């Protein structure tokens, strides 16, 4: 399993534990480039997560999509193995509608 796959699995466990609806868009070359790895709905709020491992950085297309989601009123951001611990707090804050995340 790749390091990024491990990050995705940990994120999915956290989302399941918080009973968050989510899906992972298929990356098969037919969709729009740069779409985040995980798309969620938390308390009626659109949330997108780009998963990275190590020093992985977003591509220009991924960054464009994360910003577009934020500008449209959703929340988006990047999670890697060093920031995994922040996700439960982000979920809780979004559930309480106290924050958006980018």
PDB file of N, CA and C in Angstrom:
ATOM      1  N   UNK A   1       0.846  -1.177   0.000  1.00  0.00           N
ATOM      2  CA  UNK A   1       0.000   0.000   0.000  1.00  0.00           C
ATOM      3  C   UNK A   1       0.895   1.245   0.000  1.00  0.00           C
ATOM      4  N   UNK A   2       0.534   2.212  -0.817  1.00  0.00           N
ATOM      5  CA  UNK A   2       1.325   3.438  -0.899  1.00  0.00           C
ATOM      6  C   UNK A   2       1.074   4.310   0.336  1.00  0.00           C
ATOM      7  N   UNK A   3       2.001   5.219   0.638  1.00  0.00           N
ATOM      8  CA  UNK A   3       1.775   6.136   1.767  1.00  0.00           C
ATOM      9  C   UNK A   3       0.496   6.965   1.601  1.00  0.00           C
ATOM     10  N   UNK A   4       0.216   7.395   0.378  1.00  0.00           N
ATOM     11  CA  UNK A   4      -1.012   8.174   0.158  1.00  0.00           C
ATOM     12  C   UNK A   4      -2.250   7.315   0.389  1.00  0.00           C
ATOM     13  N   UNK A   5      -2.204   6.054  -0.007  1.00  0.00           N
ATOM     14  CA  UNK A   5      -3.335   5.149   0.236  1.00  0.00           C
ATOM     15  C   UNK A   5      -3.568   4.979   1.737  1.00  0.00           C
ATOM     16  N   UNK A   6      -2.494   4.946   2.516  1.00  0.00           N
ATOM     17  CA  UNK A   6      -2.633   4.853   3.976  1.00  0.00           C
ATOM     18  C   UNK A   6      -3.342   6.094   4.533  1.00  0.00           C
ATOM     19  N   UNK A   7      -2.965   7.261   4.019  1.00  0.00           N
ATOM     20  CA  UNK A   7      -3.621   8.505   4.443  1.00  0.00           C
ATOM     21  C   UNK A   7      -5.106   8.449   4.094  1.00  0.00           C
ATOM     22  N   UNK A   8      -5.428   8.034   2.883  1.00  0.00           N
ATOM     23  CA  UNK A   8      -6.835   7.925   2.467  1.00  0.00           C
ATOM     24  C   UNK A   8      -7.600   6.977   3.380  1.00  0.00           C
ATOM     25  N   UNK A   9      -7.012   5.835   3.707  1.00  0.00           N
ATOM     26  CA  UNK A   9      -7.684   4.872   4.579  1.00  0.00           C
ATOM     27  C   UNK A   9      -7.941   5.456   5.966  1.00  0.00           C
ATOM     28  N   UNK A  10      -6.974   6.179   6.510  1.00  0.00           N
ATOM     29  CA  UNK A  10      -7.164   6.796   7.826  1.00  0.00           C
ATOM     30  C   UNK A  10      -8.261   7.858   7.778  1.00  0.00           C
ATOM     31  N   UNK A  11      -8.277   8.635   6.708  1.00  0.00           N
ATOM     32  CA  UNK A  11      -9.323   9.658   6.556  1.00  0.00           C
ATOM     33  C   UNK A  11     -10.690   8.988   6.477  1.00  0.00           C
ATOM     34  N   UNK A  12     -10.803   7.929   5.697  1.00  0.00           N
ATOM     35  CA  UNK A  12     -12.092   7.232   5.576  1.00  0.00           C
ATOM     36  C   UNK A  12     -12.544   6.673   6.924  1.00  0.00           C
ATOM     37  N   UNK A  13     -11.621   6.147   7.725  1.00  0.00           N
ATOM     38  CA  UNK A  13     -11.974   5.651   9.061  1.00  0.00           C
ATOM     39  C   UNK A  13     -12.539   6.782   9.919  1.00  0.00           C
ATOM     40  N   UNK A  14     -11.900   7.955   9.864  1.00  0.00           N
ATOM     41  CA  UNK A  14     -12.363   9.093  10.651  1.00  0.00           C
ATOM     42  C   UNK A  14     -13.735   9.570  10.172  1.00  0.00           C
ATOM     43  N   UNK A  15     -13.906   9.632   8.865  1.00  0.00           N
ATOM     44  CA  UNK A  15     -15.203  10.061   8.331  1.00  0.00           C
ATOM     45  C   UNK A  15     -16.293   9.084   8.739  1.00  0.00           C
ATOM     46  N   UNK A  16     -16.004   7.791   8.656  1.00  0.00           N
ATOM     47  CA  UNK A  16     -16.978   6.776   9.087  1.00  0.00           C
ATOM     48  C   UNK A  16     -17.303   6.931  10.570  1.00  0.00           C
ATOM     49  N   UNK A  17     -16.283   7.154  11.391  1.00  0.00           N
ATOM     50  CA  UNK A  17     -16.485   7.296  12.834  1.00  0.00           C
ATOM     51  C   UNK A  17     -17.371   8.501  13.165  1.00  0.00           C
ATOM     52  N   UNK A  18     -17.311   9.530  12.331  1.00  0.00           N
ATOM     53  CA  UNK A  18     -18.132  10.733  12.539  1.00  0.00           C
ATOM     54  C   UNK A  18     -19.423  10.700  11.719  1.00  0.00           C
ATOM     55  N   UNK A  19     -19.702   9.549  11.098  1.00  0.00           N
ATOM     56  CA  UNK A  19     -20.918   9.353  10.292  1.00  0.00           C
ATOM     57  C   UNK A  19     -21.073  10.424   9.219  1.00  0.00           C
ATOM     58  N   UNK A  20     -19.979  10.670   8.512  1.00  0.00           N
ATOM     59  CA  UNK A  20     -19.964  11.654   7.435  1.00  0.00           C
ATOM     60  C   UNK A  20     -20.219  10.944   6.110  1.00  0.00           C
ATOM     61  N   UNK A  21     -21.113  11.517   5.294  1.00  0.00           N
ATOM     62  CA  UNK A  21     -21.315  11.007   3.939  1.00  0.00           C
ATOM     63  C   UNK A  21     -20.122  11.432   3.097  1.00  0.00           C
ATOM     64  N   UNK A  22     -19.547  10.489   2.347  1.00  0.00           N
ATOM     65  CA  UNK A  22     -18.430  10.828   1.461  1.00  0.00           C
ATOM     66  C   UNK A  22     -18.352   9.838   0.309  1.00  0.00           C
ATOM     67  N   UNK A  23     -17.646  10.254  -0.716  1.00  0.00           N
ATOM     68  CA  UNK A  23     -17.313   9.353  -1.815  1.00  0.00           C
ATOM     69  C   UNK A  23     -15.983   9.793  -2.402  1.00  0.00           C
ATOM     70  N   UNK A  24     -15.401   8.890  -3.170  1.00  0.00           N
ATOM     71  CA  UNK A  24     -14.121   9.168  -3.819  1.00  0.00           C
ATOM     72  C   UNK A  24     -14.362   9.151  -5.332  1.00  0.00           C
ATOM     73  N   UNK A  25     -14.309  10.320  -5.983  1.00  0.00           N
ATOM     74  CA  UNK A  25     -14.533  10.362  -7.425  1.00  0.00           C
ATOM     75  C   UNK A  25     -13.519   9.493  -8.168  1.00  0.00           C
ATOM     76  N   UNK A  26     -14.006   8.798  -9.173  1.00  0.00           N
ATOM     77  CA  UNK A  26     -13.122   7.945  -9.976  1.00  0.00           C
ATOM     78  C   UNK A  26     -12.145   8.811 -10.762  1.00  0.00           C
ATOM     79  N   UNK A  27     -10.887   8.436 -10.715  1.00  0.00           N
ATOM     80  CA  UNK A  27      -9.845   9.156 -11.457  1.00  0.00           C
ATOM     81  C   UNK A  27      -9.464   8.303 -12.665  1.00  0.00           C
ATOM     82  N   UNK A  28     -10.327   8.319 -13.659  1.00  0.00           N
ATOM     83  CA  UNK A  28     -10.115   7.434 -14.803  1.00  0.00           C
ATOM     84  C   UNK A  28      -9.813   8.166 -16.108  1.00  0.00           C
ATOM     85  N   UNK A  29      -9.549   9.449 -16.028  1.00  0.00           N
ATOM     86  CA  UNK A  29      -9.208  10.200 -17.233  1.00  0.00           C
ATOM     87  C   UNK A  29     -10.396  10.803 -17.960  1.00  0.00           C
ATOM     88  N   UNK A  30     -11.622  10.455 -17.545  1.00  0.00           N
ATOM     89  CA  UNK A  30     -12.805  10.981 -18.215  1.00  0.00           C
ATOM     90  C   UNK A  30     -13.415  12.171 -17.488  1.00  0.00           C
ATOM     91  N   UNK A  31     -13.056  12.351 -16.237  1.00  0.00           N
ATOM     92  CA  UNK A  31     -13.618  13.448 -15.453  1.00  0.00           C
ATOM     93  C   UNK A  31     -12.777  14.703 -15.573  1.00  0.00           C
ATOM     94  N   UNK A  32     -13.107  15.654 -14.746  1.00  0.00           N
ATOM     95  CA  UNK A  32     -12.396  16.925 -14.717  1.00  0.00           C
ATOM     96  C   UNK A  32     -11.088  16.764 -13.944  1.00  0.00           C
ATOM     97  N   UNK A  33     -10.024  17.294 -14.465  1.00  0.00           N
ATOM     98  CA  UNK A  33      -8.708  17.184 -13.831  1.00  0.00           C
ATOM     99  C   UNK A  33      -8.663  18.017 -12.557  1.00  0.00           C
ATOM    100  N   UNK A  34      -7.979  17.489 -11.547  1.00  0.00           N
ATOM    101  CA  UNK A  34      -7.753  18.229 -10.318  1.00  0.00           C
ATOM    102  C   UNK A  34      -8.799  18.058  -9.246  1.00  0.00           C
ATOM    103  N   UNK A  35      -9.826  17.257  -9.502  1.00  0.00           N
ATOM    104  CA  UNK A  35     -10.888  17.053  -8.509  1.00  0.00           C
ATOM    105  C   UNK A  35     -10.280  16.425  -7.249  1.00  0.00           C
ATOM    106  N   UNK A  36     -10.658  16.900  -6.060  1.00  0.00           N
ATOM    107  CA  UNK A  36     -10.098  16.344  -4.819  1.00  0.00           C
ATOM    108  C   UNK A  36     -10.390  14.850  -4.662  1.00  0.00           C
ATOM    109  N   UNK A  37      -9.586  14.203  -3.842  1.00  0.00           N
ATOM    110  CA  UNK A  37      -9.679  12.757  -3.656  1.00  0.00           C
ATOM    111  C   UNK A  37     -10.958  12.307  -2.964  1.00  0.00           C
ATOM    112  N   UNK A  38     -11.418  13.080  -1.990  1.00  0.00           N
ATOM    113  CA  UNK A  38     -12.600  12.701  -1.220  1.00  0.00           C
ATOM    114  C   UNK A  38     -13.558  13.889  -1.173  1.00  0.00           C
ATOM    115  N   UNK A  39     -14.826  13.627  -1.489  1.00  0.00           N
ATOM    116  CA  UNK A  39     -15.872  14.640  -1.466  1.00  0.00           C
ATOM    117  C   UNK A  39     -16.865  14.238  -0.383  1.00  0.00           C
ATOM    118  N   UNK A  40     -17.211  15.198   0.491  1.00  0.00           N
ATOM    119  CA  UNK A  40     -18.063  14.907   1.647  1.00  0.00           C
ATOM    120  C   UNK A  40     -19.220  15.897   1.735  1.00  0.00           C
ATOM    121  N   UNK A  41     -20.217  15.471   2.503  1.00  0.00           N
ATOM    122  CA  UNK A  41     -21.275  16.383   2.929  1.00  0.00           C
ATOM    123  C   UNK A  41     -21.348  16.260   4.446  1.00  0.00           C
ATOM    124  N   UNK A  42     -21.060  17.356   5.134  1.00  0.00           N
ATOM    125  CA  UNK A  42     -21.070  17.375   6.598  1.00  0.00           C
ATOM    126  C   UNK A  42     -22.114  18.394   7.038  1.00  0.00           C
ATOM    127  N   UNK A  43     -23.192  17.900   7.625  1.00  0.00           N
ATOM    128  CA  UNK A  43     -24.252  18.777   8.116  1.00  0.00           C
ATOM    129  C   UNK A  43     -24.750  19.714   7.017  1.00  0.00           C
ATOM    130  N   UNK A  44     -24.866  19.188   5.808  1.00  0.00           N
ATOM    131  CA  UNK A  44     -25.341  19.972   4.675  1.00  0.00           C
ATOM    132  C   UNK A  44     -24.282  20.843   4.025  1.00  0.00           C
ATOM    133  N   UNK A  45     -23.053  20.731   4.460  1.00  0.00           N
ATOM    134  CA  UNK A  45     -21.964  21.572   3.944  1.00  0.00           C
ATOM    135  C   UNK A  45     -21.050  20.747   3.038  1.00  0.00           C
ATOM    136  N   UNK A  46     -20.730  21.274   1.870  1.00  0.00           N
ATOM    137  CA  UNK A  46     -19.861  20.612   0.905  1.00  0.00           C
ATOM    138  C   UNK A  46     -18.412  20.722   1.356  1.00  0.00           C
ATOM    139  N   UNK A  47     -17.733  19.581   1.450  1.00  0.00           N
ATOM    140  CA  UNK A  47     -16.343  19.536   1.898  1.00  0.00           C
ATOM    141  C   UNK A  47     -15.544  18.645   0.948  1.00  0.00           C
ATOM    142  N   UNK A  48     -14.375  19.103   0.564  1.00  0.00           N
ATOM    143  CA  UNK A  48     -13.501  18.314  -0.313  1.00  0.00           C
ATOM    144  C   UNK A  48     -12.121  18.200   0.317  1.00  0.00           C
ATOM    145  N   UNK A  49     -11.561  16.994   0.237  1.00  0.00           N
ATOM    146  CA  UNK A  49     -10.259  16.723   0.847  1.00  0.00           C
ATOM    147  C   UNK A  49      -9.299  16.204  -0.213  1.00  0.00           C
ATOM    148  N   UNK A  50      -8.168  16.850  -0.327  1.00  0.00           N
ATOM    149  CA  UNK A  50      -7.073  16.355  -1.174  1.00  0.00           C
ATOM    150  C   UNK A  50      -6.112  15.628  -0.246  1.00  0.00           C
ATOM    151  N   UNK A  51      -5.808  14.384  -0.570  1.00  0.00           N
ATOM    152  CA  UNK A  51      -4.939  13.549   0.262  1.00  0.00           C
ATOM    153  C   UNK A  51      -3.526  13.552  -0.303  1.00  0.00           C
ATOM    154  N   UNK A  52      -2.561  13.745   0.568  1.00  0.00           N
ATOM    155  CA  UNK A  52      -1.155  13.724   0.164  1.00  0.00           C
ATOM    156  C   UNK A  52      -0.353  12.943   1.194  1.00  0.00           C
ATOM    157  N   UNK A  53       0.806  12.507   0.783  1.00  0.00           N
ATOM    158  CA  UNK A  53       1.721  11.817   1.695  1.00  0.00           C
ATOM    159  C   UNK A  53       3.078  12.492   1.622  1.00  0.00           C
ATOM    160  N   UNK A  54       3.787  12.434   2.736  1.00  0.00           N
ATOM    161  CA  UNK A  54       5.122  13.006   2.762  1.00  0.00           C
ATOM    162  C   UNK A  54       5.103  14.476   2.427  1.00  0.00           C
ATOM    163  N   UNK A  55       6.001  14.874   1.556  1.00  0.00           N
ATOM    164  CA  UNK A  55       6.085  16.274   1.146  1.00  0.00           C
ATOM    165  C   UNK A  55       5.287  16.536  -0.120  1.00  0.00           C
ATOM    166  N   UNK A  56       4.367  15.625  -0.447  1.00  0.00           N
ATOM    167  CA  UNK A  56       3.534  15.793  -1.633  1.00  0.00           C
ATOM    168  C   UNK A  56       2.798  17.120  -1.620  1.00  0.00           C
ATOM    169  N   UNK A  57       2.793  17.779  -2.722  1.00  0.00           N
ATOM    170  CA  UNK A  57       2.135  19.075  -2.851  1.00  0.00           C
ATOM    171  C   UNK A  57       1.054  18.982  -3.919  1.00  0.00           C
ATOM    172  N   UNK A  58       0.073  19.857  -3.824  1.00  0.00           N
ATOM    173  CA  UNK A  58      -0.978  19.871  -4.832  1.00  0.00           C
ATOM    174  C   UNK A  58      -0.424  20.349  -6.168  1.00  0.00           C
ATOM    175  N   UNK A  59      -1.033  19.837  -7.220  1.00  0.00           N
ATOM    176  CA  UNK A  59      -0.717  20.358  -8.541  1.00  0.00           C
ATOM    177  C   UNK A  59      -1.460  21.681  -8.710  1.00  0.00           C
ATOM    178  N   UNK A  60      -1.133  22.407  -9.744  1.00  0.00           N
ATOM    179  CA  UNK A  60      -1.828  23.666 -10.012  1.00  0.00           C
ATOM    180  C   UNK A  60      -3.322  23.416 -10.221  1.00  0.00           C
ATOM    181  N   UNK A  61      -3.674  22.339 -10.909  1.00  0.00           N
ATOM    182  CA  UNK A  61      -5.086  22.020 -11.137  1.00  0.00           C
ATOM    183  C   UNK A  61      -5.799  21.665  -9.835  1.00  0.00           C
ATOM    184  N   UNK A  62      -5.134  20.903  -8.969  1.00  0.00           N
ATOM    185  CA  UNK A  62      -5.740  20.552  -7.682  1.00  0.00           C
ATOM    186  C   UNK A  62      -5.953  21.802  -6.835  1.00  0.00           C
ATOM    187  N   UNK A  63      -4.964  22.666  -6.804  1.00  0.00           N
ATOM    188  CA  UNK A  63      -5.080  23.899  -6.034  1.00  0.00           C
ATOM    189  C   UNK A  63      -6.223  24.759  -6.577  1.00  0.00           C
ATOM    190  N   UNK A  64      -6.339  24.852  -7.882  1.00  0.00           N
ATOM    191  CA  UNK A  64      -7.430  25.619  -8.508  1.00  0.00           C
ATOM    192  C   UNK A  64      -8.788  25.090  -8.056  1.00  0.00           C
ATOM    193  N   UNK A  65      -8.943  23.780  -8.017  1.00  0.00           N
ATOM    194  CA  UNK A  65     -10.220  23.183  -7.608  1.00  0.00           C
ATOM    195  C   UNK A  65     -10.511  23.454  -6.134  1.00  0.00           C
ATOM    196  N   UNK A  66      -9.500  23.341  -5.272  1.00  0.00           N
ATOM    197  CA  UNK A  66      -9.700  23.613  -3.852  1.00  0.00           C
ATOM    198  C   UNK A  66     -10.147  25.060  -3.629  1.00  0.00           C
ATOM    199  N   UNK A  67      -9.543  25.982  -4.337  1.00  0.00           N
ATOM    200  CA  UNK A  67      -9.920  27.399  -4.230  1.00  0.00           C
ATOM    201  C   UNK A  67     -11.323  27.621  -4.784  1.00  0.00           C
ATOM    202  N   UNK A  68     -11.660  27.006  -5.902  1.00  0.00           N
ATOM    203  CA  UNK A  68     -12.992  27.160  -6.503  1.00  0.00           C
ATOM    204  C   UNK A  68     -14.076  26.667  -5.539  1.00  0.00           C
ATOM    205  N   UNK A  69     -13.819  25.571  -4.861  1.00  0.00           N
ATOM    206  CA  UNK A  69     -14.771  25.049  -3.876  1.00  0.00           C
ATOM    207  C   UNK A  69     -14.955  26.050  -2.745  1.00  0.00           C
ATOM    208  N   UNK A  70     -13.858  26.580  -2.252  1.00  0.00           N
ATOM    209  CA  UNK A  70     -13.923  27.580  -1.186  1.00  0.00           C
ATOM    210  C   UNK A  70     -14.697  28.817  -1.655  1.00  0.00           C
ATOM    211  N   UNK A  71     -14.420  29.284  -2.852  1.00  0.00           N
ATOM    212  CA  UNK A  71     -15.086  30.479  -3.377  1.00  0.00           C
ATOM    213  C   UNK A  71     -16.584  30.247  -3.586  1.00  0.00           C
ATOM    214  N   UNK A  72     -16.976  28.995  -3.796  1.00  0.00           N
ATOM    215  CA  UNK A  72     -18.385  28.663  -3.979  1.00  0.00           C
ATOM    216  C   UNK A  72     -19.107  28.452  -2.651  1.00  0.00           C
ATOM    217  N   UNK A  73     -18.385  28.598  -1.534  1.00  0.00           N
ATOM    218  CA  UNK A  73     -19.011  28.476  -0.223  1.00  0.00           C
ATOM    219  C   UNK A  73     -18.791  27.145   0.463  1.00  0.00           C
ATOM    220  N   UNK A  74     -18.061  26.231  -0.183  1.00  0.00           N
ATOM    221  CA  UNK A  74     -17.735  24.954   0.445  1.00  0.00           C
ATOM    222  C   UNK A  74     -16.445  25.070   1.236  1.00  0.00           C
ATOM    223  N   UNK A  75     -16.008  23.949   1.757  1.00  0.00           N
ATOM    224  CA  UNK A  75     -14.744  23.887   2.486  1.00  0.00           C
ATOM    225  C   UNK A  75     -13.839  22.891   1.791  1.00  0.00           C
ATOM    226  N   UNK A  76     -12.560  23.198   1.767  1.00  0.00           N
ATOM    227  CA  UNK A  76     -11.618  22.304   1.089  1.00  0.00           C
ATOM    228  C   UNK A  76     -10.240  22.461   1.718  1.00  0.00           C
ATOM    229  N   UNK A  77      -9.458  21.413   1.599  1.00  0.00           N
ATOM    230  CA  UNK A  77      -8.112  21.476   2.128  1.00  0.00           C
ATOM    231  C   UNK A  77      -7.335  20.209   1.839  1.00  0.00           C
ATOM    232  N   UNK A  78      -6.106  20.217   2.283  1.00  0.00           N
ATOM    233  CA  UNK A  78      -5.179  19.105   2.065  1.00  0.00           C
ATOM    234  C   UNK A  78      -4.899  18.448   3.413  1.00  0.00           C
ATOM    235  N   UNK A  79      -4.949  17.124   3.430  1.00  0.00           N
ATOM    236  CA  UNK A  79      -4.604  16.358   4.624  1.00  0.00           C
ATOM    237  C   UNK A  79      -3.486  15.388   4.258  1.00  0.00           C
ATOM    238  N   UNK A  80      -2.458  15.351   5.100  1.00  0.00           N
ATOM    239  CA  UNK A  80      -1.399  14.343   4.952  1.00  0.00           C
ATOM    240  C   UNK A  80      -1.217  13.660   6.300  1.00  0.00           C
ATOM    241  N   UNK A  81      -0.226  12.782   6.388  1.00  0.00           N
ATOM    242  CA  UNK A  81      -0.073  12.022   7.631  1.00  0.00           C
ATOM    243  C   UNK A  81       0.244  12.899   8.837  1.00  0.00           C
ATOM    244  N   UNK A  82       0.849  14.051   8.630  1.00  0.00           N
ATOM    245  CA  UNK A  82       1.153  14.925   9.761  1.00  0.00           C
ATOM    246  C   UNK A  82      -0.026  15.803  10.162  1.00  0.00           C
ATOM    247  N   UNK A  83      -1.016  15.941   9.305  1.00  0.00           N
ATOM    248  CA  UNK A  83      -2.186  16.760   9.647  1.00  0.00           C
ATOM    249  C   UNK A  83      -3.445  15.925   9.882  1.00  0.00           C
ATOM    250  N   UNK A  84      -3.330  14.605   9.822  1.00  0.00           N
ATOM    251  CA  UNK A  84      -4.492  13.734  10.068  1.00  0.00           C
ATOM    252  C   UNK A  84      -5.172  14.057  11.392  1.00  0.00           C
ATOM    253  N   UNK A  85      -4.387  14.365  12.409  1.00  0.00           N
ATOM    254  CA  UNK A  85      -4.940  14.615  13.742  1.00  0.00           C
ATOM    255  C   UNK A  85      -5.878  15.817  13.777  1.00  0.00           C
ATOM    256  N   UNK A  86      -5.820  16.697  12.772  1.00  0.00           N
ATOM    257  CA  UNK A  86      -6.672  17.885  12.761  1.00  0.00           C
ATOM    258  C   UNK A  86      -8.074  17.600  12.220  1.00  0.00           C
ATOM    259  N   UNK A  87      -8.222  16.488  11.504  1.00  0.00           N
ATOM    260  CA  UNK A  87      -9.493  16.227  10.822  1.00  0.00           C
ATOM    261  C   UNK A  87     -10.686  16.102  11.773  1.00  0.00           C
ATOM    262  N   UNK A  88     -10.604  15.390  12.893  1.00  0.00           N
ATOM    263  CA  UNK A  88     -11.775  15.335  13.776  1.00  0.00           C
ATOM    264  C   UNK A  88     -12.246  16.721  14.234  1.00  0.00           C
ATOM    265  N   UNK A  89     -11.315  17.605  14.549  1.00  0.00           N
ATOM    266  CA  UNK A  89     -11.691  18.962  14.947  1.00  0.00           C
ATOM    267  C   UNK A  89     -12.329  19.741  13.814  1.00  0.00           C
ATOM    268  N   UNK A  90     -11.825  19.540  12.605  1.00  0.00           N
ATOM    269  CA  UNK A  90     -12.409  20.200  11.430  1.00  0.00           C
ATOM    270  C   UNK A  90     -13.838  19.713  11.229  1.00  0.00           C
ATOM    271  N   UNK A  91     -14.032  18.405  11.322  1.00  0.00           N
ATOM    272  CA  UNK A  91     -15.374  17.838  11.156  1.00  0.00           C
ATOM    273  C   UNK A  91     -16.323  18.408  12.203  1.00  0.00           C
ATOM    274  N   UNK A  92     -15.892  18.418  13.454  1.00  0.00           N
ATOM    275  CA  UNK A  92     -16.725  18.945  14.539  1.00  0.00           C
ATOM    276  C   UNK A  92     -17.068  20.403  14.308  1.00  0.00           C
ATOM    277  N   UNK A  93     -16.090  21.200  13.922  1.00  0.00           N
ATOM    278  CA  UNK A  93     -16.333  22.630  13.691  1.00  0.00           C
ATOM    279  C   UNK A  93     -17.307  22.847  12.538  1.00  0.00           C
ATOM    280  N   UNK A  94     -17.167  22.066  11.475  1.00  0.00           N
ATOM    281  CA  UNK A  94     -18.088  22.211  10.342  1.00  0.00           C
ATOM    282  C   UNK A  94     -19.489  21.761  10.758  1.00  0.00           C
ATOM    283  N   UNK A  95     -19.581  20.676  11.530  1.00  0.00           N
ATOM    284  CA  UNK A  95     -20.888  20.228  12.021  1.00  0.00           C
ATOM    285  C   UNK A  95     -21.560  21.326  12.836  1.00  0.00           C
ATOM    286  N   UNK A  96     -20.786  22.080  13.572  1.00  0.00           N
ATOM    287  CA  UNK A  96     -21.325  23.163  14.387  1.00  0.00           C
ATOM    288  C   UNK A  96     -21.432  24.466  13.607  1.00  0.00           C
ATOM    289  N   UNK A  97     -21.012  24.430  12.346  1.00  0.00           N
ATOM    290  CA  UNK A  97     -21.044  25.609  11.471  1.00  0.00           C
ATOM    291  C   UNK A  97     -20.261  26.773  12.035  1.00  0.00           C
ATOM    292  N   UNK A  98     -19.152  26.459  12.700  1.00  0.00           N
ATOM    293  CA  UNK A  98     -18.338  27.518  13.276  1.00  0.00           C
ATOM    294  C   UNK A  98     -17.169  27.891  12.372  1.00  0.00           C
ATOM    295  N   UNK A  99     -16.930  27.134  11.338  1.00  0.00           N
ATOM    296  CA  UNK A  99     -15.763  27.435  10.513  1.00  0.00           C
ATOM    297  C   UNK A  99     -15.933  26.869   9.116  1.00  0.00           C
ATOM    298  N   UNK A 100     -15.212  27.451   8.207  1.00  0.00           N
ATOM    299  CA  UNK A 100     -14.932  26.801   6.932  1.00  0.00           C
ATOM    300  C   UNK A 100     -13.462  26.513   6.963  1.00  0.00           C
ATOM    301  N   UNK A 101     -13.021  25.690   6.103  1.00  0.00           N
ATOM    302  CA  UNK A 101     -11.645  25.185   6.170  1.00  0.00           C
ATOM    303  C   UNK A 101     -11.003  25.306   4.799  1.00  0.00           C
ATOM    304  N   UNK A 102      -9.866  25.888   4.738  1.00  0.00           N
ATOM    305  CA  UNK A 102      -9.090  25.913   3.499  1.00  0.00           C
ATOM    306  C   UNK A 102      -7.627  26.057   3.856  1.00  0.00           C
TER     307      UNK A 102
END
